[in-house]
């Protein structure tokens, strides 16, 4: 099962046809665009891969899981070594605002043009986290920029379960030159890019030296970093602080469970956090259930809940206001 899933996950991050049995290949549909031909794989195929990855990653830890899964990390596999000890991170003061705010990021974009466009069409500044070297990456980034939406690189990083992460991945055994070369190539894969967040990454984000190298590249480009917090041992915020990179950390995963009730519970938890601490950051995925929920919920959110959706840049401005 694990070997099969590893092959399937490698295909999930690849713009070529998946290297699996013919019966498992998703149908391809050509989408005509002015000056471009985009091959759009079956959306349900990638949903199934993501769900199977999640199930495998958590199978051995389900008994120890917290009864409240709304804010659970979807990737916290054991690491082969203890994380580097660090001193306490100085926390930037977030000044109170008259209106509580939430930021929303949708991860794993680039495979499906139609789902990416649904996110762009949302009546709120929802950010698009796009995987590198995916078939619709550049088109989605361009359309999002025209619509005034934030675009970030969804950077694949090594996880603790040794699962495939797709092309453009960063690994803990890379030397500095190889890691920087790979990251630079990903940052040049599509434009515009305002920041970066991690795809998987429980292993790499726990490696302080590797994260220092990542942050130095981002600092040179003036990009921010969003820590998806796929490991409690993450060193990302410490490395970002040391490099002078503006950063935020995820508060809530929206769709660990793909039911309306579970998504709504996670969203309500984020609203509660926003009212308590001034703001909260949500990360979701392009599941049909997630998109339908946001399409229904966001239009009247501020009027009904007194909480507004703001861009990642606005959340960073709140955090780093002098």
Protein backbone atom coordinates (compact mmCIF):
# COMPACT_ATOMS: atom_id res chain seq x y z
CA UNK A 1 0.00 0.00 0.00
CA UNK A 2 2.73 2.47 0.95
CA UNK A 3 4.74 1.69 -2.18
CA UNK A 4 1.68 2.18 -4.37
CA UNK A 5 0.85 5.48 -2.73
CA UNK A 6 4.41 6.75 -3.12
CA UNK A 7 4.19 6.25 -6.87
CA UNK A 8 0.80 7.91 -7.01
CA UNK A 9 1.93 10.91 -4.98
CA UNK A 10 4.89 11.42 -7.27
CA UNK A 11 2.42 11.71 -10.10
CA UNK A 12 0.32 14.21 -8.17
CA UNK A 13 3.09 16.77 -8.35
CA UNK A 14 4.10 16.03 -11.94
CA UNK A 15 2.81 17.74 -15.05
CA UNK A 16 3.36 14.57 -17.10
CA UNK A 17 0.91 11.70 -17.13
CA UNK A 18 1.08 9.62 -13.93
CA UNK A 19 3.33 6.57 -14.17
CA UNK A 20 0.76 4.12 -12.87
CA UNK A 21 -1.38 1.41 -14.39
CA UNK A 22 -3.58 2.52 -17.24
CA UNK A 23 -6.74 1.86 -15.23
CA UNK A 24 -5.58 4.37 -12.56
CA UNK A 25 -4.75 7.19 -14.96
CA UNK A 26 -7.15 10.14 -14.86
CA UNK A 27 -8.76 11.25 -18.10
CA UNK A 28 -7.21 14.34 -19.66
CA UNK A 29 -9.30 17.16 -21.03
CA UNK A 30 -7.91 19.90 -23.22
CA UNK A 31 -8.90 23.42 -22.21
CA UNK A 32 -8.52 25.92 -24.99
CA UNK A 33 -6.99 29.25 -23.99
CA UNK A 34 -5.79 32.15 -26.13
CA UNK A 35 -2.19 31.34 -26.98
CA UNK A 36 -2.02 28.30 -24.71
CA UNK A 37 -3.20 24.70 -24.48
CA UNK A 38 -3.64 23.40 -20.95
CA UNK A 39 -4.14 19.73 -20.20
CA UNK A 40 -6.40 19.46 -17.17
CA UNK A 41 -6.30 16.18 -15.28
CA UNK A 42 -9.35 14.74 -13.56
CA UNK A 43 -9.82 16.72 -10.33
CA UNK A 44 -11.14 13.72 -8.43
CA UNK A 45 -7.85 11.89 -9.07
CA UNK A 46 -5.84 14.43 -7.08
CA UNK A 47 -8.47 14.58 -4.34
CA UNK A 48 -8.17 10.82 -3.92
CA UNK A 49 -4.37 10.97 -3.77
CA UNK A 50 -4.47 13.68 -1.12
CA UNK A 51 -7.02 11.79 0.96
CA UNK A 52 -5.08 8.51 0.71
CA UNK A 53 -1.85 10.25 1.67
CA UNK A 54 -3.56 11.73 4.71
CA UNK A 55 -4.96 8.34 5.74
CA UNK A 56 -1.61 6.59 5.41
CA UNK A 57 0.28 9.34 7.23
CA UNK A 58 -2.10 9.13 10.19
CA UNK A 59 -2.92 5.42 10.30
CA UNK A 60 -0.38 4.58 13.01
CA UNK A 61 -1.16 7.63 15.13
CA UNK A 62 -4.96 7.60 15.09
CA UNK A 63 -5.20 6.11 18.57
CA UNK A 64 -3.17 8.95 20.05
CA UNK A 65 -4.91 11.71 18.10
CA UNK A 66 -6.65 14.53 19.97
CA UNK A 67 -10.45 14.29 20.02
CA UNK A 68 -10.53 17.82 18.61
CA UNK A 69 -9.14 17.49 15.07
CA UNK A 70 -10.13 20.93 13.81
CA UNK A 71 -6.62 22.31 14.23
CA UNK A 72 -4.67 19.07 13.85
CA UNK A 73 -1.56 19.02 11.70
CA UNK A 74 -2.07 16.73 8.67
CA UNK A 75 1.60 15.75 8.59
CA UNK A 76 3.52 15.08 11.79
CA UNK A 77 5.47 11.91 11.07
CA UNK A 78 8.30 11.04 13.49
CA UNK A 79 11.68 12.44 12.52
CA UNK A 80 14.90 10.48 12.46
CA UNK A 81 16.70 12.99 14.67
CA UNK A 82 15.85 15.49 17.35
CA UNK A 83 15.38 19.09 16.11
CA UNK A 84 18.12 21.57 16.84
CA UNK A 85 17.59 23.35 20.18
CA UNK A 86 16.69 26.99 19.73
CA UNK A 87 16.20 29.96 21.98
CA UNK A 88 12.77 31.46 22.46
CA UNK A 89 11.64 33.34 19.37
CA UNK A 90 10.84 37.03 19.84
CA UNK A 91 7.20 37.48 18.89
CA UNK A 92 6.12 40.57 16.99
CA UNK A 93 3.27 42.40 18.70
CA UNK A 94 0.00 42.28 16.77
CA UNK A 95 -1.85 45.49 17.47
CA UNK A 96 -5.61 45.22 17.90
CA UNK A 97 -7.82 46.29 15.00
CA UNK A 98 -11.38 47.50 15.09
CA UNK A 99 -12.46 44.44 13.04
CA UNK A 100 -11.12 40.92 13.61
CA UNK A 101 -9.59 39.45 10.47
CA UNK A 102 -8.84 36.09 8.92
CA UNK A 103 -6.49 35.22 6.09
CA UNK A 104 -7.20 32.22 3.85
CA UNK A 105 -4.76 30.22 1.71
CA UNK A 106 -5.78 27.43 -0.65
CA UNK A 107 -2.89 24.98 -1.15
CA UNK A 108 -2.05 22.40 -3.83
CA UNK A 109 -3.05 24.49 -6.83
CA UNK A 110 -1.71 24.18 -10.36
CA UNK A 111 -3.23 20.89 -11.51
CA UNK A 112 -6.80 22.09 -12.05
CA UNK A 113 -7.54 25.28 -13.96
CA UNK A 114 -11.26 25.21 -13.16
CA UNK A 115 -10.80 24.91 -9.41
CA UNK A 116 -8.12 27.58 -9.38
CA UNK A 117 -10.48 29.92 -11.20
CA UNK A 118 -13.19 29.29 -8.61
CA UNK A 119 -10.76 30.49 -5.94
CA UNK A 120 -9.87 33.58 -7.98
CA UNK A 121 -13.61 34.30 -8.30
CA UNK A 122 -14.25 34.20 -4.54
CA UNK A 123 -15.47 37.56 -3.20
CA UNK A 124 -12.53 37.91 -0.82
CA UNK A 125 -8.71 38.17 -1.02
CA UNK A 126 -8.06 34.42 -0.75
CA UNK A 127 -4.43 33.56 -1.57
CA UNK A 128 -3.45 30.92 -4.12
CA UNK A 129 -0.57 28.57 -3.16
CA UNK A 130 0.61 27.08 -6.46
CA UNK A 131 2.84 24.03 -6.84
CA UNK A 132 5.84 24.48 -9.15
CA UNK A 133 6.05 22.72 -12.53
CA UNK A 134 2.30 22.10 -12.76
CA UNK A 135 0.33 22.45 -15.95
CA UNK A 136 -1.85 25.44 -14.99
CA UNK A 137 0.62 27.25 -12.72
CA UNK A 138 1.46 30.23 -14.93
CA UNK A 139 -2.05 30.76 -16.23
CA UNK A 140 -3.53 30.73 -12.73
CA UNK A 141 -0.82 33.04 -11.40
CA UNK A 142 -1.44 35.52 -14.21
CA UNK A 143 -5.21 35.49 -13.79
CA UNK A 144 -4.93 35.80 -10.02
CA UNK A 145 -2.64 38.82 -10.39
CA UNK A 146 -5.13 40.52 -12.73
CA UNK A 147 -7.85 39.88 -10.12
CA UNK A 148 -5.70 41.34 -7.35
CA UNK A 149 -5.25 38.04 -5.51
CA UNK A 150 -2.05 37.06 -3.70
CA UNK A 151 0.03 34.28 -5.30
CA UNK A 152 2.57 32.26 -3.36
CA UNK A 153 4.84 29.34 -4.25
CA UNK A 154 3.65 26.12 -2.59
CA UNK A 155 7.16 24.73 -2.15
CA UNK A 156 7.40 20.91 -1.86
CA UNK A 157 9.54 19.92 1.13
CA UNK A 158 10.62 16.55 2.47
CA UNK A 159 8.22 14.91 4.89
CA UNK A 160 8.96 12.54 7.73
CA UNK A 161 7.15 9.58 6.14
CA UNK A 162 9.41 9.40 3.06
CA UNK A 163 6.45 10.02 0.76
CA UNK A 164 7.06 11.45 -2.70
CA UNK A 165 6.55 15.21 -2.91
CA UNK A 166 6.70 15.85 -6.65
CA UNK A 167 9.05 17.91 -8.82
CA UNK A 168 10.99 20.81 -7.37
CA UNK A 169 11.23 19.23 -3.93
CA UNK A 170 13.70 20.28 -1.25
CA UNK A 171 15.33 17.52 0.80
CA UNK A 172 17.33 17.48 4.03
CA UNK A 173 20.27 15.69 2.39
CA UNK A 174 20.75 18.41 -0.24
CA UNK A 175 23.83 20.57 0.05
CA UNK A 176 23.35 24.31 0.09
CA UNK A 177 24.12 24.81 -3.61
CA UNK A 178 21.60 22.16 -4.73
CA UNK A 179 18.88 23.39 -2.38
CA UNK A 180 19.29 27.00 -3.49
CA UNK A 181 19.41 26.02 -7.16
CA UNK A 182 16.18 24.03 -6.83
CA UNK A 183 14.40 26.76 -4.91
CA UNK A 184 15.50 29.46 -7.36
CA UNK A 185 14.24 27.36 -10.28
CA UNK A 186 10.86 26.99 -8.58
CA UNK A 187 10.64 30.71 -7.89
CA UNK A 188 11.35 31.34 -11.57
CA UNK A 189 8.77 28.79 -12.73
CA UNK A 190 5.85 31.22 -12.75
CA UNK A 191 5.16 34.87 -11.96
CA UNK A 192 4.18 36.80 -9.97
CA UNK A 193 5.08 35.32 -6.57
CA UNK A 194 4.69 37.34 -3.37
CA UNK A 195 5.71 34.68 -0.87
CA UNK A 196 6.25 30.99 -0.14
CA UNK A 197 4.68 28.31 2.02
CA UNK A 198 5.56 24.66 2.52
CA UNK A 199 3.92 21.65 0.87
CA UNK A 200 4.24 18.76 3.35
CA UNK A 201 7.68 19.42 4.89
CA UNK A 202 7.59 17.87 8.36
CA UNK A 203 11.18 16.71 7.91
CA UNK A 204 12.69 19.73 6.19
CA UNK A 205 11.02 22.43 8.26
CA UNK A 206 12.47 20.76 11.36
CA UNK A 207 16.00 21.13 9.96
CA UNK A 208 17.28 24.53 11.10
CA UNK A 209 20.22 24.70 8.70
CA UNK A 210 18.08 23.89 5.67
CA UNK A 211 15.48 26.46 6.70
CA UNK A 212 18.22 29.07 7.18
CA UNK A 213 19.27 28.46 3.56
CA UNK A 214 15.67 28.75 2.38
CA UNK A 215 15.12 32.00 4.25
CA UNK A 216 18.28 33.59 2.89
CA UNK A 217 16.98 33.04 -0.64
CA UNK A 218 13.62 34.55 0.28
CA UNK A 219 15.26 37.52 2.01
CA UNK A 220 17.28 38.31 -1.11
CA UNK A 221 14.07 38.32 -3.16
CA UNK A 222 11.99 40.26 -0.63
CA UNK A 223 9.48 37.44 -0.20
CA UNK A 224 7.53 36.47 2.91
CA UNK A 225 7.10 32.94 4.32
CA UNK A 226 4.01 31.18 5.62
CA UNK A 227 4.70 28.20 7.87
CA UNK A 228 2.00 25.60 7.31
CA UNK A 229 3.13 24.00 10.59
CA UNK A 230 3.07 20.39 9.42
CA UNK A 231 5.35 19.56 12.36
CA UNK A 232 5.35 20.78 15.94
CA UNK A 233 9.16 20.77 15.69
CA UNK A 234 9.23 23.32 12.87
CA UNK A 235 12.18 25.71 12.78
CA UNK A 236 10.74 27.90 10.02
CA UNK A 237 9.73 30.85 12.15
CA UNK A 238 13.08 30.93 13.93
CA UNK A 239 14.97 30.83 10.63
CA UNK A 240 12.74 33.51 9.12
CA UNK A 241 13.21 35.79 12.10
CA UNK A 242 16.99 35.36 11.93
CA UNK A 243 17.04 36.20 8.21
CA UNK A 244 14.72 39.19 8.51
CA UNK A 245 11.97 37.50 6.50
CA UNK A 246 8.42 38.50 7.40
CA UNK A 247 6.45 35.40 8.32
CA UNK A 248 3.15 34.05 9.58
CA UNK A 249 2.12 30.63 10.88
CA UNK A 250 -1.02 28.68 10.12
CA UNK A 251 -3.64 28.65 12.87
CA UNK A 252 -6.30 26.29 11.45
CA UNK A 253 -6.49 23.63 8.74
CA UNK A 254 -9.94 24.01 7.23
CA UNK A 255 -10.63 20.64 5.65
CA UNK A 256 -8.87 17.80 7.44
CA UNK A 257 -12.35 16.24 7.24
CA UNK A 258 -14.28 16.85 4.03
CA UNK A 259 -17.80 17.23 5.37
CA UNK A 260 -19.80 20.43 5.65
CA UNK A 261 -20.09 20.03 9.40
CA UNK A 262 -16.35 19.51 9.94
CA UNK A 263 -15.37 22.35 7.62
CA UNK A 264 -17.85 24.67 9.32
CA UNK A 265 -16.53 23.68 12.77
CA UNK A 266 -12.96 24.48 11.67
CA UNK A 267 -14.06 27.78 10.18
CA UNK A 268 -15.94 28.74 13.34
CA UNK A 269 -12.83 27.89 15.36
CA UNK A 270 -10.84 30.29 13.18
CA UNK A 271 -13.43 33.03 13.73
CA UNK A 272 -13.18 32.48 17.48
CA UNK A 273 -9.39 32.79 17.32
CA UNK A 274 -9.66 35.95 15.24
CA UNK A 275 -11.99 37.57 17.77
CA UNK A 276 -9.69 36.55 20.60
CA UNK A 277 -6.28 37.46 19.13
CA UNK A 278 -7.23 39.95 16.40
CA UNK A 279 -6.51 37.68 13.44
CA UNK A 280 -6.20 34.04 12.36
CA UNK A 281 -4.73 32.24 9.35
CA UNK A 282 -6.59 29.38 7.66
CA UNK A 283 -5.20 26.88 5.15
CA UNK A 284 -7.51 24.79 2.99
CA UNK A 285 -7.34 22.69 -0.14
CA UNK A 286 -9.22 22.72 -3.47
CA UNK A 287 -11.72 20.04 -2.56
CA UNK A 288 -15.23 20.53 -3.98
CA UNK A 289 -16.62 20.62 -0.44
CA UNK A 290 -14.17 23.35 0.60
CA UNK A 291 -14.86 25.49 -2.46
CA UNK A 292 -18.62 25.15 -2.07
CA UNK A 293 -18.40 26.11 1.60
CA UNK A 294 -16.33 29.23 0.90
CA UNK A 295 -18.57 30.26 -1.99
CA UNK A 296 -21.55 30.16 0.35
CA UNK A 297 -19.89 31.57 3.46
CA UNK A 298 -17.67 34.44 2.33
CA UNK A 299 -20.14 36.85 0.64
CA UNK A 300 -21.93 37.79 3.90
CA UNK A 301 -19.20 36.91 6.38
CA UNK A 302 -18.41 40.38 7.72
CA UNK A 303 -22.06 41.35 8.04
CA UNK A 304 -23.03 38.09 9.75
CA UNK A 305 -19.95 37.46 11.90
CA UNK A 306 -18.19 40.80 12.27
CA UNK A 307 -14.97 39.25 10.91
CA UNK A 308 -13.44 40.21 7.57
CA UNK A 309 -11.19 38.31 5.19
CA UNK A 310 -7.96 40.18 4.45
CA UNK A 311 -4.95 39.48 2.28
CA UNK A 312 -1.77 37.88 3.57
CA UNK A 313 -0.06 41.21 3.07
CA UNK A 314 -2.63 42.85 5.35
CA UNK A 315 -2.05 40.22 8.04
CA UNK A 316 1.69 40.81 7.80
CA UNK A 317 1.13 44.56 8.07
CA UNK A 318 -0.84 44.02 11.28
CA UNK A 319 1.92 41.88 12.73
CA UNK A 320 4.84 44.12 11.80
CA UNK A 321 3.30 47.54 12.26
CA UNK A 322 5.73 49.85 14.06
